[in-house]
Amino acid sequence: MDDLELPSDLNLALSERVSRINNPLDIEAQEIYLRLKNSTNQMDLKEYLQVKLEYPELNYTEYPLKEFRSIKGVLSIIGMSPNNDNHN
């Protein structure tokens, strides 16, 4: 938990960090989280951790970026969402 970067497996990493933050004996994790809470940097990570602490049952949808990066050749994606333009 030394680095405050977003890891590739966000759900696993958030669960591990929340577990450490909730452990009263893990002073290091609590100090890092306190610094993060008081920081204006890394807003995404701060928000992810706050939500996971409050609602541990929630998970984030992760896109398979590793698989997409490993594709060789041409990739064509065709899709349509008829409700996508119905924003109020």
PDB file of N, CA and C in Angstrom:
ATOM      1  N   MET A   1       0.825  -1.189   0.000  1.00  0.00           N
ATOM      2  CA  MET A   1       0.000   0.000   0.000  1.00  0.00           C
ATOM      3  C   MET A   1       0.864   1.246   0.000  1.00  0.00           C
ATOM      4  N   ASP A   2       2.141   1.088  -0.236  1.00  0.00           N
ATOM      5  CA  ASP A   2       3.024   2.246  -0.256  1.00  0.00           C
ATOM      6  C   ASP A   2       2.678   3.187  -1.386  1.00  0.00           C
ATOM      7  N   ASP A   3       2.494   2.634  -2.581  1.00  0.00           N
ATOM      8  CA  ASP A   3       2.140   3.492  -3.705  1.00  0.00           C
ATOM      9  C   ASP A   3       0.630   3.640  -3.727  1.00  0.00           C
ATOM     10  N   LEU A   4       0.169   4.791  -4.143  1.00  0.00           N
ATOM     11  CA  LEU A   4      -1.256   5.066  -4.168  1.00  0.00           C
ATOM     12  C   LEU A   4      -1.765   5.089  -5.593  1.00  0.00           C
ATOM     13  N   GLU A   5      -1.200   4.207  -6.420  1.00  0.00           N
ATOM     14  CA  GLU A   5      -1.624   4.090  -7.811  1.00  0.00           C
ATOM     15  C   GLU A   5      -2.835   3.169  -7.878  1.00  0.00           C
ATOM     16  N   LEU A   6      -3.642   3.354  -8.903  1.00  0.00           N
ATOM     17  CA  LEU A   6      -4.752   2.433  -9.119  1.00  0.00           C
ATOM     18  C   LEU A   6      -4.221   1.171  -9.781  1.00  0.00           C
ATOM     19  N   PRO A   7      -4.318   0.025  -9.127  1.00  0.00           N
ATOM     20  CA  PRO A   7      -3.853  -1.218  -9.731  1.00  0.00           C
ATOM     21  C   PRO A   7      -4.825  -1.699 -10.800  1.00  0.00           C
ATOM     22  N   SER A   8      -4.396  -2.694 -11.579  1.00  0.00           N
ATOM     23  CA  SER A   8      -5.242  -3.172 -12.665  1.00  0.00           C
ATOM     24  C   SER A   8      -6.451  -3.948 -12.139  1.00  0.00           C
ATOM     25  N   ASP A   9      -6.317  -4.697 -11.064  1.00  0.00           N
ATOM     26  CA  ASP A   9      -7.451  -5.414 -10.498  1.00  0.00           C
ATOM     27  C   ASP A   9      -8.020  -4.585  -9.354  1.00  0.00           C
ATOM     28  N   LEU A  10      -8.851  -3.621  -9.707  1.00  0.00           N
ATOM     29  CA  LEU A  10      -9.341  -2.631  -8.754  1.00  0.00           C
ATOM     30  C   LEU A  10     -10.148  -3.247  -7.622  1.00  0.00           C
ATOM     31  N   ASN A  11     -11.027  -4.185  -7.916  1.00  0.00           N
ATOM     32  CA  ASN A  11     -11.856  -4.772  -6.862  1.00  0.00           C
ATOM     33  C   ASN A  11     -11.023  -5.494  -5.811  1.00  0.00           C
ATOM     34  N   LEU A  12     -10.069  -6.288  -6.243  1.00  0.00           N
ATOM     35  CA  LEU A  12      -9.213  -7.012  -5.314  1.00  0.00           C
ATOM     36  C   LEU A  12      -8.378  -6.034  -4.489  1.00  0.00           C
ATOM     37  N   ALA A  13      -7.794  -5.045  -5.145  1.00  0.00           N
ATOM     38  CA  ALA A  13      -6.950  -4.086  -4.443  1.00  0.00           C
ATOM     39  C   ALA A  13      -7.752  -3.277  -3.430  1.00  0.00           C
ATOM     40  N   LEU A  14      -8.951  -2.834  -3.804  1.00  0.00           N
ATOM     41  CA  LEU A  14      -9.781  -2.061  -2.880  1.00  0.00           C
ATOM     42  C   LEU A  14     -10.178  -2.910  -1.669  1.00  0.00           C
ATOM     43  N   SER A  15     -10.540  -4.151  -1.902  1.00  0.00           N
ATOM     44  CA  SER A  15     -10.904  -5.031  -0.786  1.00  0.00           C
ATOM     45  C   SER A  15      -9.731  -5.217   0.168  1.00  0.00           C
ATOM     46  N   GLU A  16      -8.533  -5.407  -0.388  1.00  0.00           N
ATOM     47  CA  GLU A  16      -7.342  -5.565   0.448  1.00  0.00           C
ATOM     48  C   GLU A  16      -7.051  -4.296   1.234  1.00  0.00           C
ATOM     49  N   ARG A  17      -7.155  -3.144   0.592  1.00  0.00           N
ATOM     50  CA  ARG A  17      -6.874  -1.877   1.275  1.00  0.00           C
ATOM     51  C   ARG A  17      -7.914  -1.576   2.338  1.00  0.00           C
ATOM     52  N   VAL A  18      -9.181  -1.842   2.057  1.00  0.00           N
ATOM     53  CA  VAL A  18     -10.241  -1.616   3.041  1.00  0.00           C
ATOM     54  C   VAL A  18     -10.018  -2.530   4.246  1.00  0.00           C
ATOM     55  N   SER A  19      -9.641  -3.764   3.987  1.00  0.00           N
ATOM     56  CA  SER A  19      -9.357  -4.699   5.074  1.00  0.00           C
ATOM     57  C   SER A  19      -8.231  -4.172   5.957  1.00  0.00           C
ATOM     58  N   ARG A  20      -7.194  -3.645   5.330  1.00  0.00           N
ATOM     59  CA  ARG A  20      -6.075  -3.091   6.098  1.00  0.00           C
ATOM     60  C   ARG A  20      -6.481  -1.838   6.853  1.00  0.00           C
ATOM     61  N   ILE A  21      -7.253  -0.963   6.221  1.00  0.00           N
ATOM     62  CA  ILE A  21      -7.683   0.274   6.881  1.00  0.00           C
ATOM     63  C   ILE A  21      -8.571  -0.048   8.090  1.00  0.00           C
ATOM     64  N   ASN A  22      -9.414  -1.059   7.965  1.00  0.00           N
ATOM     65  CA  ASN A  22     -10.309  -1.442   9.056  1.00  0.00           C
ATOM     66  C   ASN A  22      -9.615  -2.217  10.168  1.00  0.00           C
ATOM     67  N   ASN A  23      -8.383  -2.633   9.944  1.00  0.00           N
ATOM     68  CA  ASN A  23      -7.621  -3.357  10.959  1.00  0.00           C
ATOM     69  C   ASN A  23      -7.001  -2.335  11.920  1.00  0.00           C
ATOM     70  N   PRO A  24      -7.442  -2.300  13.181  1.00  0.00           N
ATOM     71  CA  PRO A  24      -6.916  -1.294  14.116  1.00  0.00           C
ATOM     72  C   PRO A  24      -5.415  -1.437  14.392  1.00  0.00           C
ATOM     73  N   LEU A  25      -4.845  -2.586  14.059  1.00  0.00           N
ATOM     74  CA  LEU A  25      -3.414  -2.787  14.288  1.00  0.00           C
ATOM     75  C   LEU A  25      -2.557  -2.341  13.103  1.00  0.00           C
ATOM     76  N   ASP A  26      -3.167  -2.056  11.981  1.00  0.00           N
ATOM     77  CA  ASP A  26      -2.425  -1.653  10.783  1.00  0.00           C
ATOM     78  C   ASP A  26      -2.336  -0.122  10.723  1.00  0.00           C
ATOM     79  N   ILE A  27      -1.443   0.410  11.527  1.00  0.00           N
ATOM     80  CA  ILE A  27      -1.269   1.869  11.644  1.00  0.00           C
ATOM     81  C   ILE A  27      -0.797   2.461  10.317  1.00  0.00           C
ATOM     82  N   GLU A  28       0.076   1.736   9.617  1.00  0.00           N
ATOM     83  CA  GLU A  28       0.602   2.235   8.340  1.00  0.00           C
ATOM     84  C   GLU A  28      -0.532   2.489   7.340  1.00  0.00           C
ATOM     85  N   ALA A  29      -1.440   1.523   7.192  1.00  0.00           N
ATOM     86  CA  ALA A  29      -2.549   1.669   6.249  1.00  0.00           C
ATOM     87  C   ALA A  29      -3.453   2.820   6.650  1.00  0.00           C
ATOM     88  N   GLN A  30      -3.691   2.987   7.925  1.00  0.00           N
ATOM     89  CA  GLN A  30      -4.543   4.073   8.396  1.00  0.00           C
ATOM     90  C   GLN A  30      -3.898   5.434   8.158  1.00  0.00           C
ATOM     91  N   GLU A  31      -2.581   5.527   8.348  1.00  0.00           N
ATOM     92  CA  GLU A  31      -1.873   6.782   8.097  1.00  0.00           C
ATOM     93  C   GLU A  31      -1.892   7.135   6.612  1.00  0.00           C
ATOM     94  N   ILE A  32      -1.688   6.148   5.767  1.00  0.00           N
ATOM     95  CA  ILE A  32      -1.722   6.385   4.320  1.00  0.00           C
ATOM     96  C   ILE A  32      -3.116   6.832   3.899  1.00  0.00           C
ATOM     97  N   TYR A  33      -4.147   6.186   4.440  1.00  0.00           N
ATOM     98  CA  TYR A  33      -5.512   6.573   4.092  1.00  0.00           C
ATOM     99  C   TYR A  33      -5.818   7.987   4.590  1.00  0.00           C
ATOM    100  N   LEU A  34      -5.350   8.342   5.771  1.00  0.00           N
ATOM    101  CA  LEU A  34      -5.569   9.689   6.294  1.00  0.00           C
ATOM    102  C   LEU A  34      -4.900  10.734   5.399  1.00  0.00           C
ATOM    103  N   ARG A  35      -3.665  10.448   4.964  1.00  0.00           N
ATOM    104  CA  ARG A  35      -2.982  11.365   4.030  1.00  0.00           C
ATOM    105  C   ARG A  35      -3.766  11.480   2.729  1.00  0.00           C
ATOM    106  N   LEU A  36      -4.271  10.365   2.239  1.00  0.00           N
ATOM    107  CA  LEU A  36      -5.045  10.359   1.000  1.00  0.00           C
ATOM    108  C   LEU A  36      -6.329  11.174   1.166  1.00  0.00           C
ATOM    109  N   LYS A  37      -7.034  10.993   2.292  1.00  0.00           N
ATOM    110  CA  LYS A  37      -8.271  11.735   2.534  1.00  0.00           C
ATOM    111  C   LYS A  37      -8.036  13.247   2.563  1.00  0.00           C
ATOM    112  N   ASN A  38      -6.875  13.663   3.046  1.00  0.00           N
ATOM    113  CA  ASN A  38      -6.566  15.083   3.165  1.00  0.00           C
ATOM    114  C   ASN A  38      -5.878  15.643   1.928  1.00  0.00           C
ATOM    115  N   SER A  39      -5.669  14.817   0.933  1.00  0.00           N
ATOM    116  CA  SER A  39      -4.970  15.218  -0.283  1.00  0.00           C
ATOM    117  C   SER A  39      -5.963  15.654  -1.354  1.00  0.00           C
ATOM    118  N   THR A  40      -5.517  16.580  -2.185  1.00  0.00           N
ATOM    119  CA  THR A  40      -6.332  16.959  -3.340  1.00  0.00           C
ATOM    120  C   THR A  40      -5.909  16.172  -4.568  1.00  0.00           C
ATOM    121  N   ASN A  41      -4.843  15.410  -4.472  1.00  0.00           N
ATOM    122  CA  ASN A  41      -4.387  14.552  -5.567  1.00  0.00           C
ATOM    123  C   ASN A  41      -5.094  13.210  -5.491  1.00  0.00           C
ATOM    124  N   GLN A  42      -5.064  12.498  -6.578  1.00  0.00           N
ATOM    125  CA  GLN A  42      -5.590  11.133  -6.658  1.00  0.00           C
ATOM    126  C   GLN A  42      -7.040  11.042  -6.187  1.00  0.00           C
ATOM    127  N   MET A  43      -7.872  11.950  -6.698  1.00  0.00           N
ATOM    128  CA  MET A  43      -9.276  11.999  -6.313  1.00  0.00           C
ATOM    129  C   MET A  43     -10.002  10.691  -6.635  1.00  0.00           C
ATOM    130  N   ASP A  44      -9.679  10.054  -7.750  1.00  0.00           N
ATOM    131  CA  ASP A  44     -10.351   8.799  -8.104  1.00  0.00           C
ATOM    132  C   ASP A  44     -10.141   7.745  -7.028  1.00  0.00           C
ATOM    133  N   LEU A  45      -8.886   7.553  -6.642  1.00  0.00           N
ATOM    134  CA  LEU A  45      -8.586   6.541  -5.634  1.00  0.00           C
ATOM    135  C   LEU A  45      -9.263   6.883  -4.315  1.00  0.00           C
ATOM    136  N   LYS A  46      -9.252   8.141  -3.949  1.00  0.00           N
ATOM    137  CA  LYS A  46      -9.896   8.553  -2.711  1.00  0.00           C
ATOM    138  C   LYS A  46     -11.391   8.223  -2.746  1.00  0.00           C
ATOM    139  N   GLU A  47     -12.045   8.546  -3.842  1.00  0.00           N
ATOM    140  CA  GLU A  47     -13.478   8.276  -3.970  1.00  0.00           C
ATOM    141  C   GLU A  47     -13.761   6.775  -3.996  1.00  0.00           C
ATOM    142  N   TYR A  48     -12.938   6.014  -4.713  1.00  0.00           N
ATOM    143  CA  TYR A  48     -13.117   4.553  -4.752  1.00  0.00           C
ATOM    144  C   TYR A  48     -13.032   3.969  -3.344  1.00  0.00           C
ATOM    145  N   LEU A  49     -12.025   4.385  -2.587  1.00  0.00           N
ATOM    146  CA  LEU A  49     -11.852   3.856  -1.233  1.00  0.00           C
ATOM    147  C   LEU A  49     -12.997   4.271  -0.321  1.00  0.00           C
ATOM    148  N   GLN A  50     -13.441   5.516  -0.419  1.00  0.00           N
ATOM    149  CA  GLN A  50     -14.537   5.973   0.432  1.00  0.00           C
ATOM    150  C   GLN A  50     -15.813   5.172   0.161  1.00  0.00           C
ATOM    151  N   VAL A  51     -16.109   4.937  -1.103  1.00  0.00           N
ATOM    152  CA  VAL A  51     -17.298   4.160  -1.447  1.00  0.00           C
ATOM    153  C   VAL A  51     -17.148   2.720  -0.956  1.00  0.00           C
ATOM    154  N   LYS A  52     -15.981   2.126  -1.159  1.00  0.00           N
ATOM    155  CA  LYS A  52     -15.760   0.727  -0.755  1.00  0.00           C
ATOM    156  C   LYS A  52     -15.804   0.589   0.763  1.00  0.00           C
ATOM    157  N   LEU A  53     -15.331   1.596   1.495  1.00  0.00           N
ATOM    158  CA  LEU A  53     -15.415   1.555   2.952  1.00  0.00           C
ATOM    159  C   LEU A  53     -16.867   1.631   3.418  1.00  0.00           C
ATOM    160  N   GLU A  54     -17.649   2.464   2.759  1.00  0.00           N
ATOM    161  CA  GLU A  54     -19.041   2.640   3.160  1.00  0.00           C
ATOM    162  C   GLU A  54     -19.939   1.500   2.669  1.00  0.00           C
ATOM    163  N   TYR A  55     -19.654   0.991   1.473  1.00  0.00           N
ATOM    164  CA  TYR A  55     -20.471  -0.072   0.866  1.00  0.00           C
ATOM    165  C   TYR A  55     -19.554  -1.206   0.394  1.00  0.00           C
ATOM    166  N   PRO A  56     -19.060  -2.035   1.289  1.00  0.00           N
ATOM    167  CA  PRO A  56     -18.091  -3.080   0.903  1.00  0.00           C
ATOM    168  C   PRO A  56     -18.639  -4.109  -0.073  1.00  0.00           C
ATOM    169  N   GLU A  57     -19.968  -4.211  -0.171  1.00  0.00           N
ATOM    170  CA  GLU A  57     -20.557  -5.205  -1.077  1.00  0.00           C
ATOM    171  C   GLU A  57     -20.507  -4.770  -2.538  1.00  0.00           C
ATOM    172  N   LEU A  58     -20.267  -3.486  -2.791  1.00  0.00           N
ATOM    173  CA  LEU A  58     -20.222  -2.994  -4.171  1.00  0.00           C
ATOM    174  C   LEU A  58     -18.908  -3.353  -4.843  1.00  0.00           C
ATOM    175  N   ASN A  59     -18.975  -3.603  -6.138  1.00  0.00           N
ATOM    176  CA  ASN A  59     -17.785  -3.848  -6.946  1.00  0.00           C
ATOM    177  C   ASN A  59     -17.814  -2.938  -8.159  1.00  0.00           C
ATOM    178  N   TYR A  60     -16.656  -2.642  -8.677  1.00  0.00           N
ATOM    179  CA  TYR A  60     -16.536  -1.829  -9.877  1.00  0.00           C
ATOM    180  C   TYR A  60     -16.434  -2.722 -11.095  1.00  0.00           C
ATOM    181  N   THR A  61     -17.005  -2.265 -12.195  1.00  0.00           N
ATOM    182  CA  THR A  61     -16.885  -2.988 -13.449  1.00  0.00           C
ATOM    183  C   THR A  61     -15.534  -2.651 -14.053  1.00  0.00           C
ATOM    184  N   GLU A  62     -14.772  -3.679 -14.330  1.00  0.00           N
ATOM    185  CA  GLU A  62     -13.459  -3.468 -14.914  1.00  0.00           C
ATOM    186  C   GLU A  62     -13.463  -3.964 -16.348  1.00  0.00           C
ATOM    187  N   TYR A  63     -12.929  -3.159 -17.211  1.00  0.00           N
ATOM    188  CA  TYR A  63     -12.847  -3.525 -18.620  1.00  0.00           C
ATOM    189  C   TYR A  63     -11.611  -4.396 -18.842  1.00  0.00           C
ATOM    190  N   PRO A  64     -11.676  -5.361 -19.751  1.00  0.00           N
ATOM    191  CA  PRO A  64     -10.556  -6.279 -19.985  1.00  0.00           C
ATOM    192  C   PRO A  64      -9.450  -5.622 -20.817  1.00  0.00           C
ATOM    193  N   LEU A  65      -8.790  -4.623 -20.234  1.00  0.00           N
ATOM    194  CA  LEU A  65      -7.790  -3.857 -20.978  1.00  0.00           C
ATOM    195  C   LEU A  65      -6.595  -4.695 -21.406  1.00  0.00           C
ATOM    196  N   LYS A  66      -6.170  -5.633 -20.571  1.00  0.00           N
ATOM    197  CA  LYS A  66      -5.028  -6.478 -20.945  1.00  0.00           C
ATOM    198  C   LYS A  66      -5.344  -7.277 -22.201  1.00  0.00           C
ATOM    199  N   GLU A  67      -6.562  -7.814 -22.263  1.00  0.00           N
ATOM    200  CA  GLU A  67      -6.949  -8.599 -23.430  1.00  0.00           C
ATOM    201  C   GLU A  67      -7.012  -7.722 -24.674  1.00  0.00           C
ATOM    202  N   PHE A  68      -7.545  -6.506 -24.548  1.00  0.00           N
ATOM    203  CA  PHE A  68      -7.606  -5.608 -25.694  1.00  0.00           C
ATOM    204  C   PHE A  68      -6.213  -5.209 -26.168  1.00  0.00           C
ATOM    205  N   ARG A  69      -5.298  -4.999 -25.257  1.00  0.00           N
ATOM    206  CA  ARG A  69      -3.942  -4.599 -25.638  1.00  0.00           C
ATOM    207  C   ARG A  69      -3.201  -5.720 -26.355  1.00  0.00           C
ATOM    208  N   SER A  70      -3.585  -6.960 -26.073  1.00  0.00           N
ATOM    209  CA  SER A  70      -2.874  -8.091 -26.667  1.00  0.00           C
ATOM    210  C   SER A  70      -3.409  -8.467 -28.049  1.00  0.00           C
ATOM    211  N   ILE A  71      -4.464  -7.824 -28.512  1.00  0.00           N
ATOM    212  CA  ILE A  71      -5.041  -8.137 -29.822  1.00  0.00           C
ATOM    213  C   ILE A  71      -4.084  -7.687 -30.915  1.00  0.00           C
ATOM    214  N   LYS A  72      -3.838  -8.552 -31.841  1.00  0.00           N
ATOM    215  CA  LYS A  72      -2.985  -8.237 -32.987  1.00  0.00           C
ATOM    216  C   LYS A  72      -3.849  -8.112 -34.229  1.00  0.00           C
ATOM    217  N   GLY A  73      -3.478  -7.220 -35.106  1.00  0.00           N
ATOM    218  CA  GLY A  73      -4.248  -7.073 -36.337  1.00  0.00           C
ATOM    219  C   GLY A  73      -5.301  -6.001 -36.211  1.00  0.00           C
ATOM    220  N   VAL A  74      -6.441  -6.253 -36.820  1.00  0.00           N
ATOM    221  CA  VAL A  74      -7.524  -5.275 -36.876  1.00  0.00           C
ATOM    222  C   VAL A  74      -8.657  -5.721 -35.967  1.00  0.00           C
ATOM    223  N   LEU A  75      -9.190  -4.796 -35.220  1.00  0.00           N
ATOM    224  CA  LEU A  75     -10.339  -5.053 -34.363  1.00  0.00           C
ATOM    225  C   LEU A  75     -11.435  -4.075 -34.757  1.00  0.00           C
ATOM    226  N   SER A  76     -12.580  -4.599 -35.135  1.00  0.00           N
ATOM    227  CA  SER A  76     -13.724  -3.754 -35.478  1.00  0.00           C
ATOM    228  C   SER A  76     -14.801  -3.969 -34.432  1.00  0.00           C
ATOM    229  N   ILE A  77     -15.278  -2.882 -33.865  1.00  0.00           N
ATOM    230  CA  ILE A  77     -16.343  -2.962 -32.865  1.00  0.00           C
ATOM    231  C   ILE A  77     -17.539  -2.204 -33.411  1.00  0.00           C
ATOM    232  N   ILE A  78     -18.651  -2.892 -33.486  1.00  0.00           N
ATOM    233  CA  ILE A  78     -19.885  -2.281 -33.985  1.00  0.00           C
ATOM    234  C   ILE A  78     -20.918  -2.413 -32.880  1.00  0.00           C
ATOM    235  N   GLY A  79     -21.564  -1.326 -32.579  1.00  0.00           N
ATOM    236  CA  GLY A  79     -22.577  -1.381 -31.544  1.00  0.00           C
ATOM    237  C   GLY A  79     -23.581  -0.268 -31.703  1.00  0.00           C
ATOM    238  N   MET A  80     -24.718  -0.457 -31.088  1.00  0.00           N
ATOM    239  CA  MET A  80     -25.745   0.562 -31.149  1.00  0.00           C
ATOM    240  C   MET A  80     -26.495   0.560 -29.824  1.00  0.00           C
ATOM    241  N   SER A  81     -26.756   1.737 -29.322  1.00  0.00           N
ATOM    242  CA  SER A  81     -27.553   1.885 -28.122  1.00  0.00           C
ATOM    243  C   SER A  81     -28.642   2.902 -28.409  1.00  0.00           C
ATOM    244  N   PRO A  82     -29.848   2.444 -28.704  1.00  0.00           N
ATOM    245  CA  PRO A  82     -30.916   3.377 -29.076  1.00  0.00           C
ATOM    246  C   PRO A  82     -31.273   4.349 -27.963  1.00  0.00           C
ATOM    247  N   ASN A  83     -31.024   3.997 -26.720  1.00  0.00           N
ATOM    248  CA  ASN A  83     -31.360   4.883 -25.606  1.00  0.00           C
ATOM    249  C   ASN A  83     -30.239   5.851 -25.250  1.00  0.00           C
ATOM    250  N   ASN A  84     -29.113   5.737 -25.921  1.00  0.00           N
ATOM    251  CA  ASN A  84     -27.958   6.552 -25.574  1.00  0.00           C
ATOM    252  C   ASN A  84     -28.209   8.049 -25.802  1.00  0.00           C
ATOM    253  N   ASP A  85     -29.051   8.418 -26.751  1.00  0.00           N
ATOM    254  CA  ASP A  85     -29.276   9.823 -27.052  1.00  0.00           C
ATOM    255  C   ASP A  85     -30.443  10.435 -26.274  1.00  0.00           C
ATOM    256  N   ASN A  86     -31.013   9.680 -25.370  1.00  0.00           N
ATOM    257  CA  ASN A  86     -32.172  10.168 -24.614  1.00  0.00           C
ATOM    258  C   ASN A  86     -31.760  10.742 -23.263  1.00  0.00           C
ATOM    259  N   HIS A  87     -30.777  11.626 -23.260  1.00  0.00           N
ATOM    260  CA  HIS A  87     -30.336  12.253 -22.004  1.00  0.00           C
ATOM    261  C   HIS A  87     -31.199  13.466 -21.718  1.00  0.00           C
ATOM    262  N   ASN A  88     -31.553  13.661 -20.483  1.00  0.00           N
ATOM    263  CA  ASN A  88     -32.323  14.851 -20.092  1.00  0.00           C
ATOM    264  C   ASN A  88     -31.449  15.867 -19.417  1.00  0.00           C
TER     265      ASN A  88
END
